[in-house]
Amino acid sequence: MNIPQITDIDTAILIYYRYPEIGTKEITQLFKKHSKSTISRLKKLAQKYMVAESVYTHGMYKLNTECAYRAWGIDIEDLEKRRNKLQKLRIIRPMGLVMEYVLC
């Protein structure tokens, strides 16, 4: 399955650290606006990965964030490294200033 491109680095990092379990709302934020079938396929892929890793969630419709990111091939350490490089080059502002904007 082709995994869509993430919205942006800040959103991916924010969702990863803010939510231990994610649902449709967070997946939609992470991958922009996609069809319900695409979101459903992403969830099924992550659920299969969670079963293989024997990881369970508290909610029936939620996914473990760490497992979902691994299933989708999102490397959070690489994203953090890229974000830090962009900050050093002064291309983007520090995350604390961007966080409020992303949540609105």
C-alpha atoms as a PDB file:
ATOM      1  CA  MET A   1       0.000   0.000   0.000  1.00  0.00           C
ATOM      2  CA  ASN A   2       1.205   3.485  -0.790  1.00  0.00           C
ATOM      3  CA  ILE A   3       1.462   5.607   2.331  1.00  0.00           C
ATOM      4  CA  PRO A   4       0.476   9.265   1.778  1.00  0.00           C
ATOM      5  CA  GLN A   5       2.932  12.033   2.560  1.00  0.00           C
ATOM      6  CA  ILE A   6       2.638  13.566   6.030  1.00  0.00           C
ATOM      7  CA  THR A   7       1.246  17.083   6.367  1.00  0.00           C
ATOM      8  CA  ASP A   8       4.397  18.506   7.947  1.00  0.00           C
ATOM      9  CA  ILE A   9       7.132  17.641  10.396  1.00  0.00           C
ATOM     10  CA  ASP A  10       5.651  19.648  13.263  1.00  0.00           C
ATOM     11  CA  THR A  11       2.279  17.921  13.051  1.00  0.00           C
ATOM     12  CA  ALA A  12       3.875  14.470  12.947  1.00  0.00           C
ATOM     13  CA  ILE A  13       6.055  15.187  15.988  1.00  0.00           C
ATOM     14  CA  LEU A  14       3.206  16.815  17.908  1.00  0.00           C
ATOM     15  CA  ILE A  15       0.829  13.885  17.353  1.00  0.00           C
ATOM     16  CA  TYR A  16       3.528  11.349  18.221  1.00  0.00           C
ATOM     17  CA  TYR A  17       4.325  12.892  21.597  1.00  0.00           C
ATOM     18  CA  ARG A  18       0.893  14.232  22.533  1.00  0.00           C
ATOM     19  CA  TYR A  19      -1.261  11.140  21.898  1.00  0.00           C
ATOM     20  CA  PRO A  20      -0.285   7.650  23.111  1.00  0.00           C
ATOM     21  CA  GLU A  21      -3.201   6.333  21.033  1.00  0.00           C
ATOM     22  CA  ILE A  22      -4.554   7.892  17.853  1.00  0.00           C
ATOM     23  CA  GLY A  23      -7.821   7.671  15.968  1.00  0.00           C
ATOM     24  CA  THR A  24      -9.312   8.910  12.727  1.00  0.00           C
ATOM     25  CA  LYS A  25      -9.059  12.577  13.718  1.00  0.00           C
ATOM     26  CA  GLU A  26      -5.309  12.436  14.342  1.00  0.00           C
ATOM     27  CA  ILE A  27      -4.665  10.299  11.251  1.00  0.00           C
ATOM     28  CA  THR A  28      -6.524  12.854   9.133  1.00  0.00           C
ATOM     29  CA  GLN A  29      -4.403  15.658  10.624  1.00  0.00           C
ATOM     30  CA  LEU A  30      -1.236  13.670   9.981  1.00  0.00           C
ATOM     31  CA  PHE A  31      -1.925  12.835   6.330  1.00  0.00           C
ATOM     32  CA  LYS A  32      -3.956  15.883   5.217  1.00  0.00           C
ATOM     33  CA  LYS A  33      -7.419  15.305   3.830  1.00  0.00           C
ATOM     34  CA  HIS A  34      -7.849  11.871   2.283  1.00  0.00           C
ATOM     35  CA  SER A  35     -10.826   9.678   1.582  1.00  0.00           C
ATOM     36  CA  LYS A  36     -12.371   7.561   4.314  1.00  0.00           C
ATOM     37  CA  SER A  37     -11.195   4.432   2.504  1.00  0.00           C
ATOM     38  CA  THR A  38      -7.561   5.621   2.579  1.00  0.00           C
ATOM     39  CA  ILE A  39      -7.793   6.364   6.301  1.00  0.00           C
ATOM     40  CA  SER A  40      -9.415   2.958   6.827  1.00  0.00           C
ATOM     41  CA  ARG A  41      -6.604   1.196   4.932  1.00  0.00           C
ATOM     42  CA  LEU A  42      -4.000   3.047   6.993  1.00  0.00           C
ATOM     43  CA  LYS A  43      -5.765   1.979  10.197  1.00  0.00           C
ATOM     44  CA  LYS A  44      -5.958  -1.668   9.058  1.00  0.00           C
ATOM     45  CA  LEU A  45      -2.265  -1.679   8.198  1.00  0.00           C
ATOM     46  CA  ALA A  46      -1.399  -0.336  11.654  1.00  0.00           C
ATOM     47  CA  GLN A  47      -3.786  -2.808  13.328  1.00  0.00           C
ATOM     48  CA  LYS A  48      -2.064  -5.732  11.588  1.00  0.00           C
ATOM     49  CA  TYR A  49       1.283  -4.416  12.798  1.00  0.00           C
ATOM     50  CA  MET A  50      -0.067  -4.087  16.350  1.00  0.00           C
ATOM     51  CA  VAL A  51      -1.331  -7.691  16.305  1.00  0.00           C
ATOM     52  CA  ALA A  52       2.054  -8.922  15.052  1.00  0.00           C
ATOM     53  CA  GLU A  53       3.800  -6.985  17.853  1.00  0.00           C
ATOM     54  CA  SER A  54       1.184  -8.024  20.474  1.00  0.00           C
ATOM     55  CA  VAL A  55       0.358  -4.414  21.346  1.00  0.00           C
ATOM     56  CA  TYR A  56      -3.152  -3.574  22.482  1.00  0.00           C
ATOM     57  CA  THR A  57      -5.022  -0.317  23.046  1.00  0.00           C
ATOM     58  CA  HIS A  58      -7.573   0.857  25.567  1.00  0.00           C
ATOM     59  CA  GLY A  59     -10.083   1.940  22.927  1.00  0.00           C
ATOM     60  CA  MET A  60     -11.545  -0.280  20.252  1.00  0.00           C
ATOM     61  CA  TYR A  61     -11.140   2.345  17.525  1.00  0.00           C
ATOM     62  CA  LYS A  62      -7.708   3.622  18.547  1.00  0.00           C
ATOM     63  CA  LEU A  63      -4.198   2.696  17.435  1.00  0.00           C
ATOM     64  CA  ASN A  64      -0.993   2.711  19.424  1.00  0.00           C
ATOM     65  CA  THR A  65       0.826   5.748  18.068  1.00  0.00           C
ATOM     66  CA  GLU A  66       4.302   4.223  18.122  1.00  0.00           C
ATOM     67  CA  CYS A  67       3.169   1.073  16.296  1.00  0.00           C
ATOM     68  CA  ALA A  68       1.177   3.075  13.753  1.00  0.00           C
ATOM     69  CA  TYR A  69       4.175   5.255  12.919  1.00  0.00           C
ATOM     70  CA  ARG A  70       6.360   2.168  12.498  1.00  0.00           C
ATOM     71  CA  ALA A  71       3.738   0.467  10.305  1.00  0.00           C
ATOM     72  CA  TRP A  72       3.534   3.545   8.086  1.00  0.00           C
ATOM     73  CA  GLY A  73       7.318   3.949   7.898  1.00  0.00           C
ATOM     74  CA  ILE A  74       7.430   7.261   9.758  1.00  0.00           C
ATOM     75  CA  ASP A  75      10.779   7.546  11.538  1.00  0.00           C
ATOM     76  CA  ILE A  76      10.244  10.023  14.375  1.00  0.00           C
ATOM     77  CA  GLU A  77      13.973  10.301  15.158  1.00  0.00           C
ATOM     78  CA  ASP A  78      14.705  11.257  11.549  1.00  0.00           C
ATOM     79  CA  LEU A  79      11.909  13.856  11.607  1.00  0.00           C
ATOM     80  CA  GLU A  80      13.290  15.360  14.820  1.00  0.00           C
ATOM     81  CA  LYS A  81      16.768  15.518  13.302  1.00  0.00           C
ATOM     82  CA  ARG A  82      15.422  17.230  10.182  1.00  0.00           C
ATOM     83  CA  ARG A  83      13.413  19.685  12.275  1.00  0.00           C
ATOM     84  CA  ASN A  84      16.479  20.566  14.352  1.00  0.00           C
ATOM     85  CA  LYS A  85      18.478  21.150  11.168  1.00  0.00           C
ATOM     86  CA  LEU A  86      15.769  23.482   9.840  1.00  0.00           C
ATOM     87  CA  GLN A  87      15.838  25.384  13.142  1.00  0.00           C
ATOM     88  CA  LYS A  88      19.612  25.751  12.972  1.00  0.00           C
ATOM     89  CA  LEU A  89      19.296  27.136   9.455  1.00  0.00           C
ATOM     90  CA  ARG A  90      16.576  29.470  10.785  1.00  0.00           C
ATOM     91  CA  ILE A  91      14.116  28.276   8.163  1.00  0.00           C
ATOM     92  CA  ILE A  92      11.460  27.498  10.774  1.00  0.00           C
ATOM     93  CA  ARG A  93      10.679  28.768  14.261  1.00  0.00           C
ATOM     94  CA  PRO A  94      11.133  26.744  17.460  1.00  0.00           C
ATOM     95  CA  MET A  95       8.386  24.170  18.051  1.00  0.00           C
ATOM     96  CA  GLY A  96       6.931  25.950  21.094  1.00  0.00           C
ATOM     97  CA  LEU A  97       5.801  28.850  18.914  1.00  0.00           C
ATOM     98  CA  VAL A  98       4.366  26.654  16.192  1.00  0.00           C
ATOM     99  CA  MET A  99       2.484  24.298  18.521  1.00  0.00           C
ATOM    100  CA  GLU A 100      -0.406  26.682  19.208  1.00  0.00           C
ATOM    101  CA  TYR A 101      -0.859  27.299  15.502  1.00  0.00           C
ATOM    102  CA  VAL A 102      -1.010  23.588  14.662  1.00  0.00           C
ATOM    103  CA  LEU A 103      -3.668  22.833  17.262  1.00  0.00           C
ATOM    104  CA  CYS A 104      -6.110  25.541  16.136  1.00  0.00           C
END
